[in-house]
Each structure stands twice: as structure tokens, then as C-alpha cells.
Amino acid sequence: MILKGKVWKFGDNIDTDAIIPARYLNTSDPKELAKHVMEDADKEFPGKVKAGDIIIAGTNFGCGSSREHAPIAIKAAGIQSVIAKSFARIFYRNAFNIGLPIFESDEAADKIEQGDEVEIDADKGIIRNITKNEEYTAKPMPPFMQELISAGGLIKWTKKKIKTSYQPT
């Protein structure tokens, strides 16, 4: 899987309240959540982000509460991937559960700048900065996680597995 997009850059310890503020958690509608994604980190972000964009961040992205709304809001806003130095473990799992590909790369997080265009080879863990003509490595996505992403998340993966394994007698 190849992902390509424009970068939005954020710092360290972007918590789930910055990703989707608690005041909007009275809905689980992805389109409604997308209208407020990252607004506490950058008030104008929801109006600037475009489908296919990519977020780059520092350490501990998605820390804080375990709400699944955070990766849902990111994905619903059209962001196709997040690259960070590290992710909070619960965010990491929630991202894969909803089908949002994420990658850990110190080098990419340090060298890629806001507005750069990048291309990610998800299968190989290669991140290319097209703007700067540089290449970085990310931890490759484990095969099972690739399956979840390809299926569109854990629920869709499970439905597919049940459908293909169910044999009426």
C-alpha cells in the first residue's frame, strides 16, 4: 500500500483531548467529529486539512484517555496516516482497530516539515520526503496489522473472517 500526501506537523504529547476535545464527545458520528479534529492543537486545522493529508508528530501521540473517537476523527477528516516518534499504546491499537495506518519513525518526525509532500510505502516501512528528496525508515507494519488496515479495521476484518469461515451444514 502506497500513501501520498501533504504534511501537517505537531509536537510531542498530543493527547486525545487535543485530537478531539471532550466537549464534542456527545456524538460518535465520524463526520461530526471530523469538523473538530485537532482544533485544540491548531484552531484552524479542521478547515485547512484535505483528504489524503498526513500528520507528523513527536513522541507519545494520542496519550490521555482511551477514547476511540480520536483516531475516528482523524480518519474521518480524510487524514490517511499518522507518522510519529511514538504513540500511546491505546491510541496505537485503536488506530489499527478503526483502519488508520500509523508509523513510528524518529528520523521522519525530526526531518519532515509542515507542508512537505511525503509518500509512504506501508508494506516496506519506507517514507519518502518528495519535497526534500530524502528517505526514512519506519517500523514496518506487522502482517496482521496490515490485514486490519486493508480490511478497513477490526470490525470489517472480523465480519470478513466470519463470512469466509462460516460453512452451513
N, C-alpha and C. Protein backbone atom coordinates (compact mmCIF):
# COMPACT_ATOMS: atom_id res chain seq x y z
N MET A 1 0.85 -1.18 0.00
CA MET A 1 0.00 0.00 0.00
C MET A 1 0.89 1.24 0.00
N ILE A 2 0.62 2.15 -0.94
CA ILE A 2 1.35 3.41 -1.04
C ILE A 2 0.41 4.54 -0.64
N LEU A 3 0.87 5.38 0.27
CA LEU A 3 0.11 6.55 0.72
C LEU A 3 0.92 7.78 0.36
N LYS A 4 0.25 8.81 -0.13
CA LYS A 4 0.96 10.02 -0.53
C LYS A 4 0.13 11.23 -0.14
N GLY A 5 0.77 12.22 0.50
CA GLY A 5 0.02 13.40 0.88
C GLY A 5 0.86 14.52 1.45
N LYS A 6 0.18 15.61 1.73
CA LYS A 6 0.78 16.81 2.32
C LYS A 6 0.82 16.66 3.83
N VAL A 7 1.86 17.18 4.44
CA VAL A 7 2.11 17.01 5.87
C VAL A 7 1.61 18.19 6.70
N TRP A 8 1.01 17.82 7.85
CA TRP A 8 0.69 18.75 8.94
C TRP A 8 1.52 18.29 10.12
N LYS A 9 2.27 19.19 10.72
CA LYS A 9 3.21 18.80 11.77
C LYS A 9 2.77 19.29 13.14
N PHE A 10 2.86 18.38 14.11
CA PHE A 10 2.54 18.66 15.51
C PHE A 10 3.69 18.18 16.38
N GLY A 11 3.70 18.61 17.63
CA GLY A 11 4.79 18.30 18.55
C GLY A 11 4.59 17.03 19.35
N ASP A 12 5.20 17.03 20.53
CA ASP A 12 5.14 15.89 21.45
C ASP A 12 3.87 15.93 22.29
N ASN A 13 3.49 14.77 22.80
CA ASN A 13 2.40 14.62 23.77
C ASN A 13 1.08 15.23 23.32
N ILE A 14 0.75 15.03 22.05
CA ILE A 14 -0.57 15.46 21.56
C ILE A 14 -1.57 14.45 22.12
N ASP A 15 -2.38 14.91 23.07
CA ASP A 15 -3.29 13.97 23.73
C ASP A 15 -4.63 13.89 23.02
N THR A 16 -5.44 12.95 23.47
CA THR A 16 -6.73 12.73 22.81
C THR A 16 -7.65 13.94 22.95
N ASP A 17 -7.47 14.77 23.97
CA ASP A 17 -8.26 16.00 24.09
C ASP A 17 -7.88 17.02 23.03
N ALA A 18 -6.62 17.03 22.63
CA ALA A 18 -6.20 17.93 21.54
C ALA A 18 -6.67 17.38 20.19
N ILE A 19 -6.71 16.06 20.07
CA ILE A 19 -7.15 15.43 18.81
C ILE A 19 -8.65 15.63 18.61
N ILE A 20 -9.44 15.31 19.62
CA ILE A 20 -10.88 15.56 19.58
C ILE A 20 -11.30 15.97 20.99
N PRO A 21 -11.53 17.25 21.19
CA PRO A 21 -11.86 17.76 22.53
C PRO A 21 -13.09 17.06 23.13
N ALA A 22 -13.04 16.84 24.42
CA ALA A 22 -14.11 16.13 25.14
C ALA A 22 -15.47 16.79 24.95
N ARG A 23 -15.49 18.08 24.73
CA ARG A 23 -16.78 18.77 24.58
C ARG A 23 -17.56 18.30 23.34
N TYR A 24 -16.91 17.57 22.44
CA TYR A 24 -17.59 17.08 21.24
C TYR A 24 -17.90 15.58 21.32
N LEU A 25 -17.70 14.99 22.47
CA LEU A 25 -17.90 13.55 22.59
C LEU A 25 -19.35 13.16 22.83
N ASN A 26 -20.27 14.09 22.65
CA ASN A 26 -21.68 13.77 22.76
C ASN A 26 -22.20 13.13 21.47
N THR A 27 -21.30 12.94 20.51
CA THR A 27 -21.65 12.26 19.27
C THR A 27 -20.57 11.23 18.95
N SER A 28 -20.97 10.22 18.21
CA SER A 28 -19.98 9.28 17.69
C SER A 28 -20.01 9.29 16.16
N ASP A 29 -20.69 10.29 15.59
CA ASP A 29 -20.77 10.44 14.14
C ASP A 29 -19.42 10.90 13.61
N PRO A 30 -18.75 10.07 12.81
CA PRO A 30 -17.42 10.44 12.32
C PRO A 30 -17.38 11.78 11.59
N LYS A 31 -18.38 12.09 10.79
CA LYS A 31 -18.38 13.37 10.06
C LYS A 31 -18.44 14.55 11.01
N GLU A 32 -19.20 14.42 12.08
CA GLU A 32 -19.31 15.49 13.07
C GLU A 32 -17.99 15.63 13.83
N LEU A 33 -17.37 14.51 14.20
CA LEU A 33 -16.08 14.55 14.89
C LEU A 33 -15.01 15.19 14.02
N ALA A 34 -15.03 14.88 12.72
CA ALA A 34 -14.03 15.42 11.80
C ALA A 34 -14.04 16.95 11.76
N LYS A 35 -15.19 17.55 12.00
CA LYS A 35 -15.30 19.01 11.98
C LYS A 35 -14.49 19.68 13.10
N HIS A 36 -14.06 18.88 14.09
CA HIS A 36 -13.36 19.44 15.25
C HIS A 36 -11.99 18.80 15.48
N VAL A 37 -11.54 17.98 14.54
CA VAL A 37 -10.28 17.27 14.72
C VAL A 37 -9.11 18.25 14.90
N MET A 38 -8.31 18.02 15.89
CA MET A 38 -7.08 18.77 16.18
C MET A 38 -7.30 20.25 16.47
N GLU A 39 -8.53 20.68 16.68
CA GLU A 39 -8.77 22.12 16.84
C GLU A 39 -8.17 22.69 18.12
N ASP A 40 -7.96 21.87 19.15
CA ASP A 40 -7.31 22.40 20.34
C ASP A 40 -5.79 22.46 20.20
N ALA A 41 -5.25 21.82 19.16
CA ALA A 41 -3.83 21.94 18.86
C ALA A 41 -3.59 23.04 17.82
N ASP A 42 -4.55 23.21 16.91
CA ASP A 42 -4.50 24.24 15.87
C ASP A 42 -5.94 24.58 15.51
N LYS A 43 -6.42 25.70 16.02
CA LYS A 43 -7.84 26.07 15.89
C LYS A 43 -8.34 26.05 14.44
N GLU A 44 -7.47 26.34 13.49
CA GLU A 44 -7.89 26.41 12.09
C GLU A 44 -7.70 25.10 11.33
N PHE A 45 -7.12 24.10 11.98
CA PHE A 45 -6.81 22.84 11.31
C PHE A 45 -8.02 22.20 10.62
N PRO A 46 -9.18 22.08 11.28
CA PRO A 46 -10.30 21.40 10.61
C PRO A 46 -10.70 22.04 9.28
N GLY A 47 -10.50 23.31 9.13
CA GLY A 47 -10.84 23.98 7.88
C GLY A 47 -9.74 23.92 6.83
N LYS A 48 -8.53 23.57 7.25
CA LYS A 48 -7.40 23.55 6.33
C LYS A 48 -7.06 22.15 5.82
N VAL A 49 -7.33 21.13 6.62
CA VAL A 49 -6.94 19.77 6.26
C VAL A 49 -7.72 19.29 5.04
N LYS A 50 -7.06 18.53 4.19
CA LYS A 50 -7.67 18.00 2.97
C LYS A 50 -7.57 16.47 2.98
N ALA A 51 -8.48 15.84 2.29
CA ALA A 51 -8.43 14.38 2.16
C ALA A 51 -7.08 13.97 1.58
N GLY A 52 -6.48 12.98 2.20
CA GLY A 52 -5.19 12.48 1.75
C GLY A 52 -4.01 13.06 2.50
N ASP A 53 -4.24 14.05 3.36
CA ASP A 53 -3.15 14.64 4.13
C ASP A 53 -2.61 13.65 5.16
N ILE A 54 -1.43 13.98 5.69
CA ILE A 54 -0.73 13.12 6.64
C ILE A 54 -0.30 13.97 7.83
N ILE A 55 -0.44 13.42 9.02
CA ILE A 55 0.04 14.10 10.24
C ILE A 55 1.40 13.53 10.62
N ILE A 56 2.31 14.43 10.98
CA ILE A 56 3.61 14.07 11.55
C ILE A 56 3.64 14.63 12.96
N ALA A 57 4.11 13.84 13.92
CA ALA A 57 4.14 14.30 15.30
C ALA A 57 5.38 13.75 16.01
N GLY A 58 5.57 14.25 17.22
CA GLY A 58 6.70 13.82 18.04
C GLY A 58 6.37 12.56 18.83
N THR A 59 6.78 12.57 20.09
CA THR A 59 6.59 11.40 20.95
C THR A 59 5.21 11.38 21.58
N ASN A 60 4.77 10.18 21.90
CA ASN A 60 3.58 9.95 22.72
C ASN A 60 2.29 10.50 22.10
N PHE A 61 2.16 10.40 20.78
CA PHE A 61 0.96 10.88 20.11
C PHE A 61 -0.24 10.05 20.56
N GLY A 62 -1.34 10.73 20.90
CA GLY A 62 -2.56 10.03 21.30
C GLY A 62 -2.60 9.64 22.76
N CYS A 63 -1.77 10.27 23.58
CA CYS A 63 -1.79 9.97 25.02
C CYS A 63 -3.08 10.50 25.63
N GLY A 64 -3.32 10.16 26.87
CA GLY A 64 -4.53 10.63 27.55
C GLY A 64 -5.55 9.52 27.64
N SER A 65 -6.79 9.87 27.41
CA SER A 65 -7.86 8.89 27.57
C SER A 65 -7.83 7.86 26.45
N SER A 66 -8.54 6.79 26.66
CA SER A 66 -8.52 5.68 25.70
C SER A 66 -9.59 5.81 24.63
N ARG A 67 -10.17 6.97 24.50
CA ARG A 67 -11.30 7.12 23.57
C ARG A 67 -10.94 6.77 22.13
N GLU A 68 -11.79 5.96 21.55
CA GLU A 68 -11.63 5.57 20.15
C GLU A 68 -12.01 6.72 19.21
N HIS A 69 -12.67 7.73 19.76
CA HIS A 69 -13.08 8.88 18.95
C HIS A 69 -11.88 9.58 18.30
N ALA A 70 -10.71 9.53 18.95
CA ALA A 70 -9.55 10.25 18.43
C ALA A 70 -9.12 9.74 17.06
N PRO A 71 -8.80 8.45 16.89
CA PRO A 71 -8.44 8.01 15.54
C PRO A 71 -9.61 8.07 14.56
N ILE A 72 -10.83 7.91 15.06
CA ILE A 72 -12.00 8.02 14.18
C ILE A 72 -12.08 9.43 13.60
N ALA A 73 -11.89 10.45 14.43
CA ALA A 73 -11.94 11.84 13.97
C ALA A 73 -10.84 12.11 12.95
N ILE A 74 -9.65 11.59 13.19
CA ILE A 74 -8.53 11.78 12.27
C ILE A 74 -8.87 11.15 10.92
N LYS A 75 -9.29 9.91 10.94
CA LYS A 75 -9.61 9.22 9.69
C LYS A 75 -10.79 9.88 8.97
N ALA A 76 -11.81 10.27 9.70
CA ALA A 76 -12.99 10.89 9.09
C ALA A 76 -12.67 12.24 8.46
N ALA A 77 -11.64 12.91 8.96
CA ALA A 77 -11.22 14.19 8.39
C ALA A 77 -10.46 14.01 7.07
N GLY A 78 -10.19 12.76 6.71
CA GLY A 78 -9.51 12.47 5.46
C GLY A 78 -8.02 12.26 5.60
N ILE A 79 -7.52 12.35 6.82
CA ILE A 79 -6.10 12.12 7.06
C ILE A 79 -5.86 10.63 6.85
N GLN A 80 -4.92 10.32 5.96
CA GLN A 80 -4.74 8.91 5.61
C GLN A 80 -3.70 8.19 6.44
N SER A 81 -2.90 8.93 7.21
CA SER A 81 -1.88 8.28 8.02
C SER A 81 -1.32 9.26 9.04
N VAL A 82 -0.78 8.70 10.11
CA VAL A 82 -0.05 9.48 11.11
C VAL A 82 1.32 8.84 11.27
N ILE A 83 2.34 9.68 11.23
CA ILE A 83 3.72 9.26 11.49
C ILE A 83 4.15 10.00 12.74
N ALA A 84 4.70 9.27 13.71
CA ALA A 84 5.17 9.91 14.94
C ALA A 84 6.40 9.17 15.46
N LYS A 85 7.10 9.82 16.38
CA LYS A 85 8.23 9.14 17.04
C LYS A 85 7.71 7.96 17.85
N SER A 86 6.57 8.17 18.53
CA SER A 86 5.95 7.08 19.30
C SER A 86 4.48 7.42 19.52
N PHE A 87 3.72 6.38 19.81
CA PHE A 87 2.28 6.51 20.06
C PHE A 87 1.95 5.96 21.43
N ALA A 88 0.97 6.56 22.07
CA ALA A 88 0.43 5.96 23.29
C ALA A 88 -0.13 4.60 22.87
N ARG A 89 0.08 3.60 23.69
CA ARG A 89 -0.28 2.23 23.31
C ARG A 89 -1.77 2.07 22.99
N ILE A 90 -2.64 2.68 23.75
CA ILE A 90 -4.07 2.51 23.49
C ILE A 90 -4.46 3.20 22.18
N PHE A 91 -3.86 4.35 21.87
CA PHE A 91 -4.12 5.00 20.59
C PHE A 91 -3.62 4.13 19.46
N TYR A 92 -2.44 3.54 19.64
CA TYR A 92 -1.85 2.67 18.63
C TYR A 92 -2.83 1.57 18.25
N ARG A 93 -3.37 0.90 19.26
CA ARG A 93 -4.31 -0.19 18.98
C ARG A 93 -5.63 0.33 18.42
N ASN A 94 -6.15 1.41 18.96
CA ASN A 94 -7.40 1.97 18.45
C ASN A 94 -7.27 2.38 16.98
N ALA A 95 -6.11 2.92 16.59
CA ALA A 95 -5.90 3.33 15.20
C ALA A 95 -6.04 2.13 14.27
N PHE A 96 -5.39 1.04 14.61
CA PHE A 96 -5.50 -0.15 13.77
C PHE A 96 -6.91 -0.73 13.81
N ASN A 97 -7.54 -0.67 14.97
CA ASN A 97 -8.90 -1.19 15.09
C ASN A 97 -9.88 -0.49 14.16
N ILE A 98 -9.64 0.80 13.88
CA ILE A 98 -10.56 1.52 13.00
C ILE A 98 -10.01 1.67 11.58
N GLY A 99 -8.82 1.12 11.33
CA GLY A 99 -8.27 1.12 9.98
C GLY A 99 -7.44 2.34 9.61
N LEU A 100 -6.84 2.99 10.60
CA LEU A 100 -5.97 4.15 10.35
C LEU A 100 -4.51 3.70 10.41
N PRO A 101 -3.79 3.74 9.28
CA PRO A 101 -2.38 3.32 9.31
C PRO A 101 -1.50 4.35 10.02
N ILE A 102 -0.68 3.86 10.93
CA ILE A 102 0.24 4.72 11.67
C ILE A 102 1.64 4.11 11.61
N PHE A 103 2.64 4.99 11.69
CA PHE A 103 4.03 4.55 11.55
C PHE A 103 4.90 5.27 12.57
N GLU A 104 5.86 4.55 13.13
CA GLU A 104 6.81 5.15 14.07
C GLU A 104 8.15 5.34 13.36
N SER A 105 8.64 6.59 13.38
CA SER A 105 9.93 6.90 12.78
C SER A 105 10.47 8.19 13.39
N ASP A 106 11.53 8.06 14.18
CA ASP A 106 12.18 9.24 14.76
C ASP A 106 12.70 10.16 13.67
N GLU A 107 13.39 9.57 12.71
CA GLU A 107 14.03 10.35 11.65
C GLU A 107 12.99 11.14 10.84
N ALA A 108 11.90 10.49 10.45
CA ALA A 108 10.86 11.18 9.68
C ALA A 108 10.24 12.31 10.50
N ALA A 109 9.97 12.03 11.77
CA ALA A 109 9.36 13.05 12.63
C ALA A 109 10.28 14.26 12.81
N ASP A 110 11.58 14.03 12.85
CA ASP A 110 12.54 15.13 13.01
C ASP A 110 12.75 15.92 11.72
N LYS A 111 12.80 15.25 10.58
CA LYS A 111 13.24 15.90 9.35
C LYS A 111 12.12 16.40 8.45
N ILE A 112 10.94 15.83 8.55
CA ILE A 112 9.85 16.27 7.69
C ILE A 112 9.24 17.53 8.28
N GLU A 113 8.96 18.50 7.41
CA GLU A 113 8.41 19.78 7.83
C GLU A 113 6.96 19.93 7.36
N GLN A 114 6.23 20.80 8.04
CA GLN A 114 4.86 21.08 7.63
C GLN A 114 4.85 21.55 6.18
N GLY A 115 3.92 21.01 5.40
CA GLY A 115 3.79 21.37 4.00
C GLY A 115 4.56 20.48 3.05
N ASP A 116 5.53 19.71 3.59
CA ASP A 116 6.25 18.76 2.73
C ASP A 116 5.26 17.74 2.17
N GLU A 117 5.60 17.20 1.02
CA GLU A 117 4.82 16.10 0.46
C GLU A 117 5.60 14.83 0.69
N VAL A 118 4.92 13.82 1.23
CA VAL A 118 5.58 12.55 1.51
C VAL A 118 4.81 11.40 0.87
N GLU A 119 5.55 10.32 0.68
CA GLU A 119 4.98 9.08 0.17
C GLU A 119 5.42 7.96 1.11
N ILE A 120 4.47 7.14 1.52
CA ILE A 120 4.76 6.05 2.46
C ILE A 120 4.51 4.72 1.76
N ASP A 121 5.53 3.88 1.75
CA ASP A 121 5.35 2.50 1.31
C ASP A 121 5.07 1.70 2.58
N ALA A 122 3.79 1.48 2.85
CA ALA A 122 3.37 0.87 4.11
C ALA A 122 3.90 -0.55 4.27
N ASP A 123 4.02 -1.27 3.18
CA ASP A 123 4.47 -2.66 3.25
C ASP A 123 5.95 -2.76 3.63
N LYS A 124 6.75 -1.83 3.15
CA LYS A 124 8.19 -1.86 3.39
C LYS A 124 8.64 -0.98 4.54
N GLY A 125 7.77 -0.07 5.00
CA GLY A 125 8.15 0.85 6.06
C GLY A 125 9.10 1.93 5.57
N ILE A 126 8.94 2.34 4.32
CA ILE A 126 9.78 3.38 3.73
C ILE A 126 8.95 4.66 3.59
N ILE A 127 9.49 5.76 4.10
CA ILE A 127 8.84 7.07 3.99
C ILE A 127 9.74 7.94 3.12
N ARG A 128 9.20 8.42 2.02
CA ARG A 128 9.95 9.29 1.12
C ARG A 128 9.43 10.72 1.25
N ASN A 129 10.36 11.63 1.51
CA ASN A 129 10.01 13.05 1.52
C ASN A 129 10.26 13.54 0.10
N ILE A 130 9.19 13.69 -0.65
CA ILE A 130 9.29 14.10 -2.05
C ILE A 130 9.82 15.52 -2.15
N THR A 131 9.41 16.39 -1.23
CA THR A 131 9.84 17.79 -1.23
C THR A 131 11.35 17.91 -1.08
N LYS A 132 11.93 17.14 -0.15
CA LYS A 132 13.37 17.24 0.14
C LYS A 132 14.20 16.14 -0.53
N ASN A 133 13.54 15.23 -1.24
CA ASN A 133 14.22 14.10 -1.86
C ASN A 133 15.04 13.31 -0.83
N GLU A 134 14.38 12.96 0.28
CA GLU A 134 15.02 12.17 1.33
C GLU A 134 14.16 10.93 1.60
N GLU A 135 14.79 9.94 2.21
CA GLU A 135 14.08 8.71 2.53
C GLU A 135 14.38 8.32 3.98
N TYR A 136 13.35 7.85 4.68
CA TYR A 136 13.47 7.46 6.08
C TYR A 136 12.84 6.08 6.25
N THR A 137 13.20 5.44 7.33
CA THR A 137 12.59 4.14 7.59
C THR A 137 11.65 4.25 8.79
N ALA A 138 10.63 3.44 8.73
CA ALA A 138 9.67 3.32 9.83
C ALA A 138 9.62 1.86 10.22
N LYS A 139 9.15 1.61 11.41
CA LYS A 139 8.93 0.22 11.79
C LYS A 139 7.88 -0.35 10.85
N PRO A 140 8.20 -1.43 10.15
CA PRO A 140 7.21 -1.99 9.23
C PRO A 140 5.96 -2.44 10.00
N MET A 141 4.84 -2.33 9.33
CA MET A 141 3.57 -2.74 9.92
C MET A 141 3.53 -4.27 9.98
N PRO A 142 3.27 -4.85 11.15
CA PRO A 142 3.17 -6.30 11.23
C PRO A 142 2.09 -6.82 10.28
N PRO A 143 2.26 -8.03 9.74
CA PRO A 143 1.31 -8.57 8.76
C PRO A 143 -0.15 -8.54 9.24
N PHE A 144 -0.41 -8.88 10.50
CA PHE A 144 -1.79 -8.86 10.97
C PHE A 144 -2.36 -7.45 10.95
N MET A 145 -1.53 -6.47 11.33
CA MET A 145 -1.99 -5.08 11.31
C MET A 145 -2.26 -4.63 9.87
N GLN A 146 -1.44 -5.11 8.92
CA GLN A 146 -1.69 -4.80 7.50
C GLN A 146 -3.05 -5.36 7.07
N GLU A 147 -3.38 -6.56 7.55
CA GLU A 147 -4.68 -7.15 7.25
C GLU A 147 -5.81 -6.28 7.78
N LEU A 148 -5.66 -5.80 9.02
CA LEU A 148 -6.69 -4.93 9.60
C LEU A 148 -6.88 -3.66 8.78
N ILE A 149 -5.78 -3.03 8.40
CA ILE A 149 -5.85 -1.80 7.61
C ILE A 149 -6.51 -2.07 6.26
N SER A 150 -6.08 -3.13 5.59
CA SER A 150 -6.65 -3.47 4.27
C SER A 150 -8.14 -3.73 4.34
N ALA A 151 -8.58 -4.34 5.44
CA ALA A 151 -10.00 -4.65 5.60
C ALA A 151 -10.81 -3.42 6.00
N GLY A 152 -10.15 -2.38 6.49
CA GLY A 152 -10.87 -1.19 6.94
C GLY A 152 -11.07 -1.15 8.44
N GLY A 153 -10.37 -2.00 9.17
CA GLY A 153 -10.46 -2.01 10.63
C GLY A 153 -10.88 -3.38 11.16
N LEU A 154 -10.87 -3.50 12.47
CA LEU A 154 -11.12 -4.78 13.14
C LEU A 154 -12.53 -5.31 12.89
N ILE A 155 -13.53 -4.46 12.95
CA ILE A 155 -14.91 -4.94 12.77
C ILE A 155 -15.09 -5.48 11.35
N LYS A 156 -14.63 -4.74 10.36
CA LYS A 156 -14.76 -5.22 8.97
C LYS A 156 -13.93 -6.48 8.74
N TRP A 157 -12.75 -6.56 9.35
CA TRP A 157 -11.90 -7.75 9.23
C TRP A 157 -12.63 -8.95 9.83
N THR A 158 -13.23 -8.75 11.01
CA THR A 158 -13.94 -9.84 11.69
C THR A 158 -15.14 -10.30 10.86
N LYS A 159 -15.90 -9.38 10.34
CA LYS A 159 -17.06 -9.74 9.51
C LYS A 159 -16.62 -10.56 8.29
N LYS A 160 -15.51 -10.15 7.69
CA LYS A 160 -14.98 -10.87 6.53
C LYS A 160 -14.56 -12.28 6.93
N LYS A 161 -13.89 -12.41 8.06
CA LYS A 161 -13.44 -13.72 8.54
C LYS A 161 -14.63 -14.63 8.83
N ILE A 162 -15.64 -14.08 9.48
CA ILE A 162 -16.83 -14.88 9.80
C ILE A 162 -17.50 -15.33 8.51
N LYS A 163 -17.64 -14.43 7.56
CA LYS A 163 -18.29 -14.73 6.31
C LYS A 163 -17.54 -15.83 5.54
N THR A 164 -16.21 -15.75 5.51
CA THR A 164 -15.44 -16.72 4.75
C THR A 164 -15.25 -18.05 5.48
N SER A 165 -15.39 -18.04 6.80
CA SER A 165 -15.19 -19.29 7.54
C SER A 165 -16.50 -20.01 7.86
N TYR A 166 -17.62 -19.32 7.71
CA TYR A 166 -18.90 -19.95 8.02
C TYR A 166 -19.31 -20.87 6.88
N GLN A 167 -19.50 -22.11 7.20
CA GLN A 167 -19.92 -23.11 6.23
C GLN A 167 -21.22 -23.76 6.72
N PRO A 168 -22.36 -23.39 6.17
CA PRO A 168 -23.62 -24.01 6.65
C PRO A 168 -23.62 -25.50 6.33
N THR A 169 -24.24 -26.25 7.22
CA THR A 169 -24.29 -27.71 7.03
C THR A 169 -25.60 -28.16 6.48
